[in-house]
Every structure is written in C-alpha cells, then in structure tokens.
C-alpha cells in the first residue's frame, strides 16, 4: 500500500516537473520556484475563501429575501 502511494506521488511529481519544465534547472532553483508556486496557490485559496465566498453568500442572502 505504501509502495503504491509512493509510486503515485513520484509519478505526479514527475509530471509536475515536465509540465513546468523544472527538470532542466538546478535543485535549488527548483525549490525556489516550487515555493513561489505554493505561496501563490495558498494566496489564491485564501482570496477565494475570504472574498469570493463572502461576496457570493451576500448576494445569495439578498436574493432570497
């Protein structure tokens, strides 16, 4: 079970490297770019939670009244 999960994660990491073309850069550069991607993704998730969810719930609340 653990071996198949590890194989699955390695496959998706390989795909991530191929799509972003990070397989060509050095290891430290790959780490920096991955951290930047992670920060951008987390900021987008927070924005969706804080702004978009609040706005849509306000719109739905006023249309139901």
PDB file of N, CA and C in Angstrom:
ATOM      1  N   UNK A   1       0.827  -1.186   0.000  1.00  0.00           N
ATOM      2  CA  UNK A   1       0.000   0.000   0.000  1.00  0.00           C
ATOM      3  C   UNK A   1       0.877   1.258   0.000  1.00  0.00           C
ATOM      4  N   UNK A   2       1.864   1.306   0.886  1.00  0.00           N
ATOM      5  CA  UNK A   2       2.740   2.478   0.959  1.00  0.00           C
ATOM      6  C   UNK A   2       3.579   2.593  -0.311  1.00  0.00           C
ATOM      7  N   UNK A   3       3.996   1.463  -0.840  1.00  0.00           N
ATOM      8  CA  UNK A   3       4.804   1.481  -2.054  1.00  0.00           C
ATOM      9  C   UNK A   3       4.010   2.025  -3.233  1.00  0.00           C
ATOM     10  N   UNK A   4       2.746   1.640  -3.341  1.00  0.00           N
ATOM     11  CA  UNK A   4       1.925   2.144  -4.437  1.00  0.00           C
ATOM     12  C   UNK A   4       1.616   3.635  -4.260  1.00  0.00           C
ATOM     13  N   UNK A   5       1.433   4.090  -3.020  1.00  0.00           N
ATOM     14  CA  UNK A   5       1.199   5.513  -2.776  1.00  0.00           C
ATOM     15  C   UNK A   5       2.454   6.311  -3.136  1.00  0.00           C
ATOM     16  N   UNK A   6       3.636   5.798  -2.775  1.00  0.00           N
ATOM     17  CA  UNK A   6       4.884   6.466  -3.113  1.00  0.00           C
ATOM     18  C   UNK A   6       5.073   6.530  -4.629  1.00  0.00           C
ATOM     19  N   UNK A   7       4.727   5.452  -5.305  1.00  0.00           N
ATOM     20  CA  UNK A   7       4.837   5.405  -6.760  1.00  0.00           C
ATOM     21  C   UNK A   7       3.896   6.428  -7.398  1.00  0.00           C
ATOM     22  N   UNK A   8       2.696   6.557  -6.857  1.00  0.00           N
ATOM     23  CA  UNK A   8       1.716   7.523  -7.342  1.00  0.00           C
ATOM     24  C   UNK A   8       2.239   8.951  -7.165  1.00  0.00           C
ATOM     25  N   UNK A   9       2.797   9.270  -5.994  1.00  0.00           N
ATOM     26  CA  UNK A   9       3.338  10.606  -5.742  1.00  0.00           C
ATOM     27  C   UNK A   9       4.539  10.904  -6.638  1.00  0.00           C
ATOM     28  N   UNK A  10       5.381   9.924  -6.846  1.00  0.00           N
ATOM     29  CA  UNK A  10       6.527  10.120  -7.732  1.00  0.00           C
ATOM     30  C   UNK A  10       6.085  10.393  -9.160  1.00  0.00           C
ATOM     31  N   UNK A  11       5.048   9.704  -9.593  1.00  0.00           N
ATOM     32  CA  UNK A  11       4.519   9.922 -10.939  1.00  0.00           C
ATOM     33  C   UNK A  11       4.001  11.349 -11.095  1.00  0.00           C
ATOM     34  N   UNK A  12       3.235  11.851 -10.142  1.00  0.00           N
ATOM     35  CA  UNK A  12       2.689  13.201 -10.235  1.00  0.00           C
ATOM     36  C   UNK A  12       3.770  14.260 -10.060  1.00  0.00           C
ATOM     37  N   UNK A  13       4.785  13.988  -9.272  1.00  0.00           N
ATOM     38  CA  UNK A  13       5.906  14.918  -9.159  1.00  0.00           C
ATOM     39  C   UNK A  13       6.661  14.987 -10.481  1.00  0.00           C
ATOM     40  N   UNK A  14       6.843  13.853 -11.107  1.00  0.00           N
ATOM     41  CA  UNK A  14       7.483  13.815 -12.422  1.00  0.00           C
ATOM     42  C   UNK A  14       6.676  14.614 -13.438  1.00  0.00           C
ATOM     43  N   UNK A  15       5.365  14.456 -13.439  1.00  0.00           N
ATOM     44  CA  UNK A  15       4.505  15.228 -14.342  1.00  0.00           C
ATOM     45  C   UNK A  15       4.608  16.721 -14.060  1.00  0.00           C
ATOM     46  N   UNK A  16       4.646  17.094 -12.785  1.00  0.00           N
ATOM     47  CA  UNK A  16       4.791  18.494 -12.399  1.00  0.00           C
ATOM     48  C   UNK A  16       6.092  19.059 -12.956  1.00  0.00           C
ATOM     49  N   UNK A  17       7.170  18.295 -12.831  1.00  0.00           N
ATOM     50  CA  UNK A  17       8.455  18.755 -13.352  1.00  0.00           C
ATOM     51  C   UNK A  17       8.424  18.889 -14.871  1.00  0.00           C
ATOM     52  N   UNK A  18       7.758  17.987 -15.556  1.00  0.00           N
ATOM     53  CA  UNK A  18       7.698  18.042 -17.009  1.00  0.00           C
ATOM     54  C   UNK A  18       6.841  19.207 -17.497  1.00  0.00           C
ATOM     55  N   UNK A  19       5.706  19.416 -16.882  1.00  0.00           N
ATOM     56  CA  UNK A  19       4.795  20.476 -17.322  1.00  0.00           C
ATOM     57  C   UNK A  19       5.397  21.847 -17.068  1.00  0.00           C
ATOM     58  N   UNK A  20       6.019  22.033 -15.913  1.00  0.00           N
ATOM     59  CA  UNK A  20       6.606  23.324 -15.574  1.00  0.00           C
ATOM     60  C   UNK A  20       8.024  23.471 -16.123  1.00  0.00           C
ATOM     61  N   UNK A  21       8.547  22.438 -16.726  1.00  0.00           N
ATOM     62  CA  UNK A  21       9.904  22.397 -17.287  1.00  0.00           C
ATOM     63  C   UNK A  21      10.970  22.667 -16.231  1.00  0.00           C
ATOM     64  N   UNK A  22      10.690  22.248 -15.005  1.00  0.00           N
ATOM     65  CA  UNK A  22      11.650  22.427 -13.923  1.00  0.00           C
ATOM     66  C   UNK A  22      12.710  21.330 -13.885  1.00  0.00           C
ATOM     67  N   UNK A  23      12.578  20.323 -14.713  1.00  0.00           N
ATOM     68  CA  UNK A  23      13.565  19.253 -14.719  1.00  0.00           C
ATOM     69  C   UNK A  23      14.897  19.741 -15.281  1.00  0.00           C
ATOM     70  N   UNK A  24      14.883  20.911 -15.956  1.00  0.00           N
ATOM     71  CA  UNK A  24      16.101  21.423 -16.587  1.00  0.00           C
ATOM     72  C   UNK A  24      16.939  22.291 -15.658  1.00  0.00           C
ATOM     73  N   UNK A  25      16.374  22.751 -14.563  1.00  0.00           N
ATOM     74  CA  UNK A  25      17.090  23.697 -13.702  1.00  0.00           C
ATOM     75  C   UNK A  25      17.749  22.953 -12.544  1.00  0.00           C
ATOM     76  N   UNK A  26      18.585  23.690 -11.820  1.00  0.00           N
ATOM     77  CA  UNK A  26      19.264  23.072 -10.685  1.00  0.00           C
ATOM     78  C   UNK A  26      18.298  22.846  -9.534  1.00  0.00           C
ATOM     79  N   UNK A  27      18.741  22.033  -8.603  1.00  0.00           N
ATOM     80  CA  UNK A  27      17.869  21.625  -7.490  1.00  0.00           C
ATOM     81  C   UNK A  27      17.403  22.817  -6.646  1.00  0.00           C
ATOM     82  N   UNK A  28      18.293  23.766  -6.360  1.00  0.00           N
ATOM     83  CA  UNK A  28      17.908  24.908  -5.526  1.00  0.00           C
ATOM     84  C   UNK A  28      16.934  25.819  -6.266  1.00  0.00           C
ATOM     85  N   UNK A  29      17.103  25.953  -7.585  1.00  0.00           N
ATOM     86  CA  UNK A  29      16.173  26.761  -8.377  1.00  0.00           C
ATOM     87  C   UNK A  29      14.792  26.109  -8.412  1.00  0.00           C
ATOM     88  N   UNK A  30      14.787  24.804  -8.513  1.00  0.00           N
ATOM     89  CA  UNK A  30      13.528  24.056  -8.495  1.00  0.00           C
ATOM     90  C   UNK A  30      12.790  24.273  -7.178  1.00  0.00           C
ATOM     91  N   UNK A  31      13.543  24.294  -6.089  1.00  0.00           N
ATOM     92  CA  UNK A  31      12.942  24.530  -4.779  1.00  0.00           C
ATOM     93  C   UNK A  31      12.352  25.926  -4.654  1.00  0.00           C
ATOM     94  N   UNK A  32      13.072  26.924  -5.155  1.00  0.00           N
ATOM     95  CA  UNK A  32      12.587  28.307  -5.089  1.00  0.00           C
ATOM     96  C   UNK A  32      11.308  28.464  -5.896  1.00  0.00           C
ATOM     97  N   UNK A  33      11.299  27.942  -7.111  1.00  0.00           N
ATOM     98  CA  UNK A  33      10.113  28.058  -7.960  1.00  0.00           C
ATOM     99  C   UNK A  33       8.936  27.302  -7.345  1.00  0.00           C
ATOM    100  N   UNK A  34       9.185  26.147  -6.779  1.00  0.00           N
ATOM    101  CA  UNK A  34       8.108  25.381  -6.149  1.00  0.00           C
ATOM    102  C   UNK A  34       7.525  26.123  -4.949  1.00  0.00           C
ATOM    103  N   UNK A  35       8.371  26.769  -4.162  1.00  0.00           N
ATOM    104  CA  UNK A  35       7.881  27.546  -3.017  1.00  0.00           C
ATOM    105  C   UNK A  35       7.053  28.732  -3.498  1.00  0.00           C
ATOM    106  N   UNK A  36       7.494  29.400  -4.558  1.00  0.00           N
ATOM    107  CA  UNK A  36       6.730  30.522  -5.113  1.00  0.00           C
ATOM    108  C   UNK A  36       5.369  30.028  -5.608  1.00  0.00           C
ATOM    109  N   UNK A  37       5.339  28.903  -6.309  1.00  0.00           N
ATOM    110  CA  UNK A  37       4.066  28.331  -6.761  1.00  0.00           C
ATOM    111  C   UNK A  37       3.158  28.011  -5.576  1.00  0.00           C
ATOM    112  N   UNK A  38       3.719  27.451  -4.531  1.00  0.00           N
ATOM    113  CA  UNK A  38       2.933  27.101  -3.351  1.00  0.00           C
ATOM    114  C   UNK A  38       2.366  28.348  -2.685  1.00  0.00           C
ATOM    115  N   UNK A  39       3.168  29.388  -2.564  1.00  0.00           N
ATOM    116  CA  UNK A  39       2.695  30.640  -1.956  1.00  0.00           C
ATOM    117  C   UNK A  39       1.581  31.255  -2.798  1.00  0.00           C
ATOM    118  N   UNK A  40       1.759  31.274  -4.117  1.00  0.00           N
ATOM    119  CA  UNK A  40       0.712  31.810  -4.987  1.00  0.00           C
ATOM    120  C   UNK A  40      -0.580  31.004  -4.872  1.00  0.00           C
ATOM    121  N   UNK A  41      -0.464  29.696  -4.819  1.00  0.00           N
ATOM    122  CA  UNK A  41      -1.641  28.847  -4.688  1.00  0.00           C
ATOM    123  C   UNK A  41      -2.354  29.096  -3.366  1.00  0.00           C
ATOM    124  N   UNK A  42      -1.596  29.224  -2.277  1.00  0.00           N
ATOM    125  CA  UNK A  42      -2.207  29.484  -0.970  1.00  0.00           C
ATOM    126  C   UNK A  42      -2.861  30.859  -0.916  1.00  0.00           C
ATOM    127  N   UNK A  43      -2.248  31.855  -1.548  1.00  0.00           N
ATOM    128  CA  UNK A  43      -2.849  33.187  -1.599  1.00  0.00           C
ATOM    129  C   UNK A  43      -4.147  33.163  -2.392  1.00  0.00           C
ATOM    130  N   UNK A  44      -4.174  32.434  -3.488  1.00  0.00           N
ATOM    131  CA  UNK A  44      -5.388  32.309  -4.282  1.00  0.00           C
ATOM    132  C   UNK A  44      -6.481  31.590  -3.496  1.00  0.00           C
ATOM    133  N   UNK A  45      -6.119  30.552  -2.779  1.00  0.00           N
ATOM    134  CA  UNK A  45      -7.098  29.827  -1.969  1.00  0.00           C
ATOM    135  C   UNK A  45      -7.660  30.724  -0.874  1.00  0.00           C
ATOM    136  N   UNK A  46      -6.812  31.527  -0.224  1.00  0.00           N
ATOM    137  CA  UNK A  46      -7.286  32.446   0.808  1.00  0.00           C
ATOM    138  C   UNK A  46      -8.190  33.514   0.207  1.00  0.00           C
ATOM    139  N   UNK A  47      -7.826  34.046  -0.949  1.00  0.00           N
ATOM    140  CA  UNK A  47      -8.657  35.047  -1.619  1.00  0.00           C
ATOM    141  C   UNK A  47     -10.037  34.477  -1.940  1.00  0.00           C
ATOM    142  N   UNK A  48     -10.070  33.267  -2.456  1.00  0.00           N
ATOM    143  CA  UNK A  48     -11.351  32.635  -2.762  1.00  0.00           C
ATOM    144  C   UNK A  48     -12.191  32.445  -1.509  1.00  0.00           C
ATOM    145  N   UNK A  49     -11.550  32.066  -0.422  1.00  0.00           N
ATOM    146  CA  UNK A  49     -12.266  31.856   0.825  1.00  0.00           C
ATOM    147  C   UNK A  49     -12.744  33.174   1.422  1.00  0.00           C
ATOM    148  N   UNK A  50     -11.878  34.165   1.471  1.00  0.00           N
ATOM    149  CA  UNK A  50     -12.192  35.411   2.169  1.00  0.00           C
ATOM    150  C   UNK A  50     -13.060  36.354   1.350  1.00  0.00           C
ATOM    151  N   UNK A  51     -12.811  36.469   0.062  1.00  0.00           N
ATOM    152  CA  UNK A  51     -13.501  37.469  -0.748  1.00  0.00           C
ATOM    153  C   UNK A  51     -14.639  36.869  -1.553  1.00  0.00           C
ATOM    154  N   UNK A  52     -14.348  35.885  -2.352  1.00  0.00           N
ATOM    155  CA  UNK A  52     -15.350  35.325  -3.256  1.00  0.00           C
ATOM    156  C   UNK A  52     -16.470  34.648  -2.486  1.00  0.00           C
ATOM    157  N   UNK A  53     -16.141  33.864  -1.501  1.00  0.00           N
ATOM    158  CA  UNK A  53     -17.170  33.172  -0.721  1.00  0.00           C
ATOM    159  C   UNK A  53     -18.058  34.165   0.022  1.00  0.00           C
ATOM    160  N   UNK A  54     -17.458  35.206   0.583  1.00  0.00           N
ATOM    161  CA  UNK A  54     -18.227  36.230   1.292  1.00  0.00           C
ATOM    162  C   UNK A  54     -19.145  36.978   0.332  1.00  0.00           C
ATOM    163  N   UNK A  55     -18.645  37.337  -0.836  1.00  0.00           N
ATOM    164  CA  UNK A  55     -19.447  38.083  -1.812  1.00  0.00           C
ATOM    165  C   UNK A  55     -20.613  37.247  -2.326  1.00  0.00           C
ATOM    166  N   UNK A  56     -20.367  35.990  -2.645  1.00  0.00           N
ATOM    167  CA  UNK A  56     -21.454  35.162  -3.155  1.00  0.00           C
ATOM    168  C   UNK A  56     -22.481  34.857  -2.074  1.00  0.00           C
ATOM    169  N   UNK A  57     -22.041  34.701  -0.840  1.00  0.00           N
ATOM    170  CA  UNK A  57     -23.016  34.455   0.221  1.00  0.00           C
ATOM    171  C   UNK A  57     -23.865  35.693   0.474  1.00  0.00           C
ATOM    172  N   UNK A  58     -23.278  36.890   0.320  1.00  0.00           N
ATOM    173  CA  UNK A  58     -24.046  38.127   0.471  1.00  0.00           C
ATOM    174  C   UNK A  58     -25.066  38.268  -0.649  1.00  0.00           C
ATOM    175  N   UNK A  59     -24.680  37.945  -1.852  1.00  0.00           N
ATOM    176  CA  UNK A  59     -25.595  38.042  -2.989  1.00  0.00           C
ATOM    177  C   UNK A  59     -26.742  37.064  -2.831  1.00  0.00           C
ATOM    178  N   UNK A  60     -26.431  35.843  -2.434  1.00  0.00           N
ATOM    179  CA  UNK A  60     -27.475  34.827  -2.273  1.00  0.00           C
ATOM    180  C   UNK A  60     -28.413  35.217  -1.138  1.00  0.00           C
ATOM    181  N   UNK A  61     -27.892  35.770  -0.064  1.00  0.00           N
ATOM    182  CA  UNK A  61     -28.715  36.164   1.072  1.00  0.00           C
ATOM    183  C   UNK A  61     -29.716  37.253   0.664  1.00  0.00           C
ATOM    184  N   UNK A  62     -29.291  38.225  -0.164  1.00  0.00           N
ATOM    185  CA  UNK A  62     -30.178  39.323  -0.555  1.00  0.00           C
ATOM    186  C   UNK A  62     -31.188  38.881  -1.611  1.00  0.00           C
ATOM    187  N   UNK A  63     -30.851  37.905  -2.429  1.00  0.00           N
ATOM    188  CA  UNK A  63     -31.794  37.475  -3.445  1.00  0.00           C
ATOM    189  C   UNK A  63     -32.874  36.572  -2.856  1.00  0.00           C
ATOM    190  N   UNK A  64     -32.605  35.949  -1.732  1.00  0.00           N
ATOM    191  CA  UNK A  64     -33.603  35.072  -1.130  1.00  0.00           C
ATOM    192  C   UNK A  64     -34.655  35.857  -0.341  1.00  0.00           C
ATOM    193  N   UNK A  65     -34.363  37.069   0.057  1.00  0.00           N
ATOM    194  CA  UNK A  65     -35.296  37.851   0.874  1.00  0.00           C
ATOM    195  C   UNK A  65     -36.380  38.463   0.036  1.00  0.00           C
TER     196      UNK A  65
END
